[in-house]
Amino acid sequence: MKKIIFILIIQIQFAIASEEHTLNCSTFGIKEVTSKIAVLKASVLPIDLDSPEQDAKKRIGHEDFRLIAIPELTIRIPGISSQEDYKILCYFGVKQIDGMTHAAEDLPHLKLMGKFKTYISKYNQYMIEFYRNEFKGKKSEKIKDSHK
């Protein structure tokens, strides 16, 4: 019975993965704006699973604009749903959270990954809205110029 469930899960994951889009940022001619120093500064900031929007604001303050990916059988970025969103992904960049995987070690790991998936969806949506509402135009030009 366990083997049948495992095979069904793999088939479902494969079906989902086969619908994923392949992303090639070079086709958009976009250079990522998150600098290496911003990545380093933001790497020491703690994560508050109950407050993804506040975490996003802190990282924006450090100029770390990256969206968060979930490594499964493919890499999935919650919140990305349109061609424009893919451009935002290319512009901001992407990061992964260590310990996230497609295979949980045990029930506590599975539950924690579920909380992280909810967090990541809200975090990414905040970052996408930040791009749409605050980042476009003059602010984006300033940041682009400072990262040349």
N, C-alpha and C. Protein backbone atom coordinates (compact mmCIF):
# COMPACT_ATOMS: atom_id res chain seq x y z
N MET A 1 0.82 -1.20 0.00
CA MET A 1 0.00 0.00 0.00
C MET A 1 0.87 1.26 0.00
N LYS A 2 1.94 1.26 0.82
CA LYS A 2 2.83 2.43 0.88
C LYS A 2 3.48 2.68 -0.48
N LYS A 3 3.85 1.60 -1.18
CA LYS A 3 4.48 1.76 -2.49
C LYS A 3 3.52 2.39 -3.48
N ILE A 4 2.25 1.99 -3.43
CA ILE A 4 1.25 2.55 -4.34
C ILE A 4 1.06 4.03 -4.07
N ILE A 5 0.96 4.41 -2.81
CA ILE A 5 0.80 5.83 -2.45
C ILE A 5 2.03 6.62 -2.91
N PHE A 6 3.22 6.07 -2.67
CA PHE A 6 4.46 6.73 -3.08
C PHE A 6 4.47 6.95 -4.59
N ILE A 7 4.09 5.93 -5.36
CA ILE A 7 4.08 6.04 -6.81
C ILE A 7 3.06 7.08 -7.26
N LEU A 8 1.89 7.10 -6.63
CA LEU A 8 0.89 8.11 -6.97
C LEU A 8 1.38 9.52 -6.69
N ILE A 9 2.05 9.70 -5.56
CA ILE A 9 2.60 11.02 -5.23
C ILE A 9 3.63 11.44 -6.26
N ILE A 10 4.51 10.53 -6.64
CA ILE A 10 5.52 10.83 -7.66
C ILE A 10 4.85 11.19 -8.98
N GLN A 11 3.81 10.45 -9.38
CA GLN A 11 3.12 10.75 -10.63
C GLN A 11 2.46 12.12 -10.59
N ILE A 12 1.84 12.45 -9.46
CA ILE A 12 1.21 13.76 -9.31
C ILE A 12 2.25 14.85 -9.39
N GLN A 13 3.38 14.67 -8.67
CA GLN A 13 4.46 15.67 -8.69
C GLN A 13 4.99 15.83 -10.11
N PHE A 14 5.15 14.72 -10.84
CA PHE A 14 5.65 14.80 -12.21
C PHE A 14 4.68 15.56 -13.09
N ALA A 15 3.38 15.31 -12.92
CA ALA A 15 2.38 16.02 -13.72
C ALA A 15 2.43 17.51 -13.44
N ILE A 16 2.58 17.89 -12.17
CA ILE A 16 2.69 19.30 -11.80
C ILE A 16 3.97 19.89 -12.38
N ALA A 17 5.07 19.16 -12.24
CA ALA A 17 6.37 19.66 -12.71
C ALA A 17 6.37 19.84 -14.23
N SER A 18 5.68 18.96 -14.95
CA SER A 18 5.69 19.07 -16.40
C SER A 18 4.94 20.31 -16.90
N GLU A 19 4.08 20.88 -16.04
CA GLU A 19 3.37 22.10 -16.41
C GLU A 19 4.15 23.36 -16.06
N GLU A 20 5.25 23.23 -15.33
CA GLU A 20 6.05 24.38 -14.93
C GLU A 20 6.66 25.03 -16.17
N HIS A 21 6.90 26.31 -16.07
CA HIS A 21 7.53 27.05 -17.16
C HIS A 21 9.04 27.03 -16.99
N THR A 22 9.73 27.00 -18.10
CA THR A 22 11.17 27.13 -18.07
C THR A 22 11.49 28.62 -18.16
N LEU A 23 12.34 29.07 -17.27
CA LEU A 23 12.63 30.50 -17.19
C LEU A 23 14.03 30.78 -17.70
N ASN A 24 14.12 31.68 -18.64
CA ASN A 24 15.41 32.12 -19.15
C ASN A 24 15.41 33.64 -19.09
N CYS A 25 16.00 34.19 -18.04
CA CYS A 25 15.96 35.63 -17.81
C CYS A 25 16.66 36.42 -18.90
N SER A 26 17.61 35.82 -19.57
CA SER A 26 18.34 36.55 -20.61
C SER A 26 17.42 36.96 -21.76
N THR A 27 16.31 36.23 -21.96
CA THR A 27 15.39 36.60 -23.02
C THR A 27 14.69 37.92 -22.74
N PHE A 28 14.62 38.31 -21.46
CA PHE A 28 14.00 39.57 -21.09
C PHE A 28 15.01 40.72 -21.09
N GLY A 29 16.30 40.42 -21.14
CA GLY A 29 17.32 41.46 -21.08
C GLY A 29 17.34 42.19 -19.75
N ILE A 30 17.09 41.45 -18.67
CA ILE A 30 16.98 42.05 -17.34
C ILE A 30 18.18 41.64 -16.49
N LYS A 31 18.77 42.62 -15.80
CA LYS A 31 19.86 42.34 -14.88
C LYS A 31 19.31 42.38 -13.45
N GLU A 32 19.64 41.36 -12.66
CA GLU A 32 19.17 41.30 -11.28
C GLU A 32 19.69 42.48 -10.48
N VAL A 33 18.82 43.08 -9.63
CA VAL A 33 19.19 44.28 -8.89
C VAL A 33 19.68 43.99 -7.46
N THR A 34 19.46 42.79 -6.96
CA THR A 34 19.91 42.47 -5.61
C THR A 34 21.41 42.24 -5.62
N SER A 35 22.15 43.06 -4.88
CA SER A 35 23.62 42.96 -4.85
C SER A 35 24.08 41.86 -3.90
N LYS A 36 25.32 41.45 -4.03
CA LYS A 36 25.89 40.43 -3.14
C LYS A 36 25.97 40.92 -1.70
N ILE A 37 26.26 42.20 -1.51
CA ILE A 37 26.33 42.73 -0.15
C ILE A 37 24.93 42.73 0.49
N ALA A 38 23.90 42.98 -0.30
CA ALA A 38 22.53 42.92 0.22
C ALA A 38 22.17 41.49 0.64
N VAL A 39 22.61 40.53 -0.16
CA VAL A 39 22.37 39.12 0.16
C VAL A 39 23.05 38.77 1.48
N LEU A 40 24.29 39.19 1.64
CA LEU A 40 25.04 38.91 2.86
C LEU A 40 24.39 39.55 4.08
N LYS A 41 24.02 40.81 3.96
CA LYS A 41 23.36 41.50 5.09
C LYS A 41 22.05 40.83 5.47
N ALA A 42 21.27 40.46 4.48
CA ALA A 42 19.95 39.87 4.75
C ALA A 42 20.05 38.43 5.24
N SER A 43 21.16 37.77 4.99
CA SER A 43 21.29 36.37 5.39
C SER A 43 21.30 36.18 6.90
N VAL A 44 21.63 37.22 7.64
CA VAL A 44 21.67 37.10 9.11
C VAL A 44 20.37 37.53 9.76
N LEU A 45 19.40 38.01 8.96
CA LEU A 45 18.12 38.42 9.52
C LEU A 45 17.29 37.18 9.86
N PRO A 46 16.66 37.16 11.02
CA PRO A 46 15.82 36.00 11.37
C PRO A 46 14.54 35.97 10.54
N ILE A 47 13.92 34.81 10.48
CA ILE A 47 12.64 34.64 9.80
C ILE A 47 11.55 34.52 10.84
N ASP A 48 10.48 35.28 10.69
CA ASP A 48 9.32 35.20 11.56
C ASP A 48 8.18 34.60 10.74
N LEU A 49 7.89 33.31 10.96
CA LEU A 49 6.88 32.62 10.17
C LEU A 49 5.50 33.25 10.27
N ASP A 50 5.25 33.99 11.33
CA ASP A 50 3.95 34.63 11.52
C ASP A 50 3.86 36.00 10.87
N SER A 51 4.96 36.49 10.31
CA SER A 51 4.95 37.86 9.78
C SER A 51 5.77 37.97 8.49
N PRO A 52 5.31 37.31 7.42
CA PRO A 52 6.09 37.38 6.17
C PRO A 52 6.19 38.78 5.59
N GLU A 53 5.14 39.58 5.76
CA GLU A 53 5.18 40.94 5.22
C GLU A 53 6.24 41.79 5.93
N GLN A 54 6.33 41.66 7.25
CA GLN A 54 7.35 42.40 8.01
C GLN A 54 8.75 41.93 7.62
N ASP A 55 8.91 40.63 7.42
CA ASP A 55 10.20 40.11 6.98
C ASP A 55 10.57 40.67 5.61
N ALA A 56 9.59 40.74 4.72
CA ALA A 56 9.85 41.30 3.39
C ALA A 56 10.29 42.75 3.50
N LYS A 57 9.62 43.52 4.35
CA LYS A 57 9.98 44.93 4.54
C LYS A 57 11.41 45.07 5.06
N LYS A 58 11.81 44.21 6.00
CA LYS A 58 13.18 44.27 6.53
C LYS A 58 14.18 43.99 5.42
N ARG A 59 13.90 43.00 4.60
CA ARG A 59 14.84 42.65 3.53
C ARG A 59 14.88 43.74 2.46
N ILE A 60 13.75 44.35 2.18
CA ILE A 60 13.72 45.48 1.24
C ILE A 60 14.60 46.60 1.79
N GLY A 61 14.55 46.82 3.10
CA GLY A 61 15.40 47.83 3.74
C GLY A 61 16.89 47.56 3.55
N HIS A 62 17.24 46.29 3.38
CA HIS A 62 18.63 45.91 3.11
C HIS A 62 18.90 45.73 1.62
N GLU A 63 17.92 46.12 0.80
CA GLU A 63 17.98 46.00 -0.66
C GLU A 63 18.11 44.55 -1.14
N ASP A 64 17.55 43.63 -0.36
CA ASP A 64 17.46 42.23 -0.79
C ASP A 64 16.03 42.03 -1.28
N PHE A 65 15.85 41.99 -2.59
CA PHE A 65 14.53 41.94 -3.20
C PHE A 65 14.15 40.55 -3.67
N ARG A 66 15.00 39.56 -3.41
CA ARG A 66 14.79 38.23 -3.97
C ARG A 66 13.49 37.58 -3.50
N LEU A 67 12.88 36.86 -4.42
CA LEU A 67 11.72 36.03 -4.10
C LEU A 67 12.24 34.70 -3.56
N ILE A 68 11.37 33.94 -2.93
CA ILE A 68 11.77 32.67 -2.33
C ILE A 68 11.21 31.52 -3.16
N ALA A 69 12.08 30.57 -3.48
CA ALA A 69 11.69 29.38 -4.24
C ALA A 69 11.53 28.19 -3.30
N ILE A 70 10.68 27.26 -3.71
CA ILE A 70 10.52 26.01 -2.97
C ILE A 70 11.09 24.90 -3.83
N PRO A 71 12.14 24.24 -3.33
CA PRO A 71 12.71 23.12 -4.11
C PRO A 71 11.84 21.87 -3.92
N GLU A 72 11.24 21.44 -4.99
CA GLU A 72 10.49 20.19 -4.98
C GLU A 72 11.15 19.33 -6.04
N LEU A 73 10.40 18.60 -6.82
CA LEU A 73 11.03 17.89 -7.93
C LEU A 73 11.49 18.88 -8.99
N THR A 74 10.83 20.05 -9.01
CA THR A 74 11.30 21.21 -9.77
C THR A 74 11.36 22.36 -8.78
N ILE A 75 11.84 23.48 -9.22
CA ILE A 75 11.86 24.67 -8.37
C ILE A 75 10.55 25.42 -8.61
N ARG A 76 9.79 25.66 -7.53
CA ARG A 76 8.51 26.35 -7.63
C ARG A 76 8.63 27.67 -6.88
N ILE A 77 8.10 28.74 -7.47
CA ILE A 77 8.11 30.05 -6.84
C ILE A 77 6.67 30.48 -6.62
N PRO A 78 6.14 30.29 -5.40
CA PRO A 78 4.76 30.69 -5.14
C PRO A 78 4.56 32.19 -5.37
N GLY A 79 3.41 32.52 -5.92
CA GLY A 79 3.09 33.92 -6.18
C GLY A 79 3.35 34.32 -7.62
N ILE A 80 4.13 33.53 -8.34
CA ILE A 80 4.44 33.81 -9.74
C ILE A 80 3.35 33.19 -10.59
N SER A 81 2.63 34.03 -11.35
CA SER A 81 1.52 33.47 -12.12
C SER A 81 1.42 34.03 -13.54
N SER A 82 2.13 35.08 -13.84
CA SER A 82 2.00 35.69 -15.16
C SER A 82 3.38 35.97 -15.76
N GLN A 83 3.38 36.32 -17.02
CA GLN A 83 4.63 36.67 -17.71
C GLN A 83 5.31 37.85 -17.01
N GLU A 84 4.53 38.84 -16.58
CA GLU A 84 5.09 39.99 -15.87
C GLU A 84 5.75 39.54 -14.57
N ASP A 85 5.12 38.58 -13.86
CA ASP A 85 5.70 38.07 -12.63
C ASP A 85 7.06 37.41 -12.89
N TYR A 86 7.19 36.71 -14.03
CA TYR A 86 8.47 36.09 -14.36
C TYR A 86 9.54 37.15 -14.58
N LYS A 87 9.15 38.28 -15.15
CA LYS A 87 10.11 39.38 -15.32
C LYS A 87 10.54 39.92 -13.96
N ILE A 88 9.59 40.01 -13.03
CA ILE A 88 9.93 40.46 -11.67
C ILE A 88 10.91 39.49 -11.03
N LEU A 89 10.68 38.21 -11.22
CA LEU A 89 11.58 37.19 -10.69
C LEU A 89 12.99 37.38 -11.25
N CYS A 90 13.08 37.62 -12.54
CA CYS A 90 14.40 37.85 -13.14
C CYS A 90 15.05 39.11 -12.59
N TYR A 91 14.27 40.13 -12.38
CA TYR A 91 14.78 41.41 -11.91
C TYR A 91 15.24 41.34 -10.45
N PHE A 92 14.43 40.70 -9.60
CA PHE A 92 14.74 40.64 -8.17
C PHE A 92 15.67 39.50 -7.80
N GLY A 93 15.60 38.40 -8.53
CA GLY A 93 16.40 37.23 -8.18
C GLY A 93 15.60 36.27 -7.29
N VAL A 94 16.23 35.18 -6.93
CA VAL A 94 15.54 34.14 -6.18
C VAL A 94 16.49 33.53 -5.16
N LYS A 95 15.92 33.04 -4.07
CA LYS A 95 16.69 32.34 -3.04
C LYS A 95 15.87 31.15 -2.57
N GLN A 96 16.55 30.23 -1.88
CA GLN A 96 15.87 29.08 -1.29
C GLN A 96 16.14 29.08 0.20
N ILE A 97 15.25 28.45 0.94
CA ILE A 97 15.43 28.30 2.38
C ILE A 97 15.97 26.90 2.63
N ASP A 98 17.13 26.82 3.28
CA ASP A 98 17.72 25.51 3.58
C ASP A 98 16.75 24.66 4.39
N GLY A 99 16.68 23.40 4.06
CA GLY A 99 15.81 22.47 4.78
C GLY A 99 14.49 22.22 4.09
N MET A 100 14.13 23.08 3.12
CA MET A 100 12.92 22.84 2.34
C MET A 100 13.26 21.79 1.28
N THR A 101 12.39 20.83 1.08
CA THR A 101 12.64 19.75 0.15
C THR A 101 11.32 19.14 -0.28
N HIS A 102 11.36 18.27 -1.27
CA HIS A 102 10.14 17.59 -1.69
C HIS A 102 9.84 16.36 -0.83
N ALA A 103 10.79 15.95 0.00
CA ALA A 103 10.62 14.75 0.82
C ALA A 103 10.87 15.08 2.29
N ALA A 104 9.83 15.02 3.10
CA ALA A 104 9.97 15.32 4.52
C ALA A 104 10.62 14.14 5.25
N GLU A 105 11.43 14.47 6.24
CA GLU A 105 12.07 13.43 7.04
C GLU A 105 11.09 12.76 7.99
N ASP A 106 10.16 13.54 8.54
CA ASP A 106 9.20 13.04 9.50
C ASP A 106 8.02 14.01 9.59
N LEU A 107 7.05 13.71 10.43
CA LEU A 107 5.86 14.55 10.54
C LEU A 107 6.16 15.98 11.01
N PRO A 108 7.02 16.19 12.03
CA PRO A 108 7.33 17.58 12.41
C PRO A 108 7.97 18.38 11.26
N HIS A 109 8.85 17.73 10.49
CA HIS A 109 9.47 18.40 9.34
C HIS A 109 8.41 18.76 8.31
N LEU A 110 7.48 17.84 8.05
CA LEU A 110 6.40 18.08 7.10
C LEU A 110 5.53 19.26 7.53
N LYS A 111 5.19 19.32 8.81
CA LYS A 111 4.37 20.42 9.33
C LYS A 111 5.10 21.75 9.22
N LEU A 112 6.38 21.77 9.56
CA LEU A 112 7.16 23.00 9.47
C LEU A 112 7.29 23.47 8.02
N MET A 113 7.50 22.53 7.11
CA MET A 113 7.56 22.91 5.70
C MET A 113 6.22 23.49 5.23
N GLY A 114 5.11 22.97 5.76
CA GLY A 114 3.80 23.53 5.43
C GLY A 114 3.69 24.97 5.88
N LYS A 115 4.20 25.27 7.08
CA LYS A 115 4.19 26.66 7.56
C LYS A 115 5.08 27.55 6.69
N PHE A 116 6.23 27.02 6.29
CA PHE A 116 7.12 27.79 5.43
C PHE A 116 6.49 28.05 4.06
N LYS A 117 5.75 27.08 3.52
CA LYS A 117 5.11 27.28 2.22
C LYS A 117 4.08 28.41 2.29
N THR A 118 3.33 28.45 3.39
CA THR A 118 2.36 29.55 3.58
C THR A 118 3.11 30.87 3.69
N TYR A 119 4.19 30.89 4.48
CA TYR A 119 5.02 32.08 4.65
C TYR A 119 5.57 32.55 3.30
N ILE A 120 6.12 31.62 2.53
CA ILE A 120 6.74 31.95 1.25
C ILE A 120 5.72 32.54 0.29
N SER A 121 4.52 31.97 0.24
CA SER A 121 3.48 32.51 -0.64
C SER A 121 3.16 33.96 -0.30
N LYS A 122 2.99 34.24 0.98
CA LYS A 122 2.67 35.62 1.41
C LYS A 122 3.86 36.54 1.20
N TYR A 123 5.06 36.08 1.50
CA TYR A 123 6.28 36.87 1.32
C TYR A 123 6.44 37.26 -0.15
N ASN A 124 6.34 36.27 -1.03
CA ASN A 124 6.51 36.55 -2.46
C ASN A 124 5.43 37.49 -2.98
N GLN A 125 4.20 37.31 -2.53
CA GLN A 125 3.13 38.19 -2.98
C GLN A 125 3.41 39.63 -2.55
N TYR A 126 3.93 39.80 -1.34
CA TYR A 126 4.28 41.15 -0.87
C TYR A 126 5.37 41.74 -1.77
N MET A 127 6.38 40.95 -2.09
CA MET A 127 7.49 41.45 -2.91
C MET A 127 7.01 41.80 -4.32
N ILE A 128 6.11 41.01 -4.87
CA ILE A 128 5.57 41.30 -6.21
C ILE A 128 4.76 42.59 -6.17
N GLU A 129 3.95 42.75 -5.14
CA GLU A 129 3.17 43.99 -5.01
C GLU A 129 4.09 45.19 -4.77
N PHE A 130 5.16 45.00 -4.02
CA PHE A 130 6.15 46.06 -3.82
C PHE A 130 6.71 46.50 -5.17
N TYR A 131 7.06 45.53 -6.00
CA TYR A 131 7.58 45.87 -7.33
C TYR A 131 6.56 46.67 -8.12
N ARG A 132 5.33 46.18 -8.15
CA ARG A 132 4.29 46.84 -8.95
C ARG A 132 3.96 48.23 -8.45
N ASN A 133 3.94 48.42 -7.13
CA ASN A 133 3.48 49.69 -6.56
C ASN A 133 4.58 50.68 -6.23
N GLU A 134 5.74 50.21 -5.84
CA GLU A 134 6.78 51.10 -5.32
C GLU A 134 8.06 51.11 -6.14
N PHE A 135 8.37 50.03 -6.78
CA PHE A 135 9.70 49.84 -7.34
C PHE A 135 9.82 50.34 -8.78
N LYS A 136 8.76 50.25 -9.53
CA LYS A 136 8.81 50.66 -10.94
C LYS A 136 9.14 52.15 -11.06
N GLY A 137 9.63 52.52 -12.22
CA GLY A 137 9.87 53.94 -12.48
C GLY A 137 11.15 54.46 -11.89
N LYS A 138 11.07 55.62 -11.24
CA LYS A 138 12.26 56.32 -10.77
C LYS A 138 13.05 55.52 -9.75
N LYS A 139 12.37 54.86 -8.80
CA LYS A 139 13.11 54.09 -7.80
C LYS A 139 13.90 52.97 -8.45
N SER A 140 13.30 52.29 -9.41
CA SER A 140 14.01 51.20 -10.06
C SER A 140 15.21 51.71 -10.84
N GLU A 141 15.10 52.88 -11.42
CA GLU A 141 16.23 53.46 -12.15
C GLU A 141 17.38 53.76 -11.20
N LYS A 142 17.07 54.33 -10.01
CA LYS A 142 18.12 54.61 -9.03
C LYS A 142 18.83 53.34 -8.61
N ILE A 143 18.06 52.31 -8.33
CA ILE A 143 18.67 51.05 -7.88
C ILE A 143 19.45 50.41 -9.01
N LYS A 144 18.92 50.43 -10.22
CA LYS A 144 19.66 49.88 -11.37
C LYS A 144 21.00 50.59 -11.53
N ASP A 145 20.98 51.93 -11.44
CA ASP A 145 22.20 52.70 -11.61
C ASP A 145 23.22 52.40 -10.51
N SER A 146 22.75 52.17 -9.29
CA SER A 146 23.68 51.93 -8.18
C SER A 146 24.29 50.54 -8.22
N HIS A 147 23.76 49.63 -9.06
CA HIS A 147 24.28 48.27 -9.11
C HIS A 147 25.02 47.99 -10.42
N LYS A 148 25.38 49.00 -11.17
CA LYS A 148 26.11 48.79 -12.41
C LYS A 148 27.58 48.53 -12.14
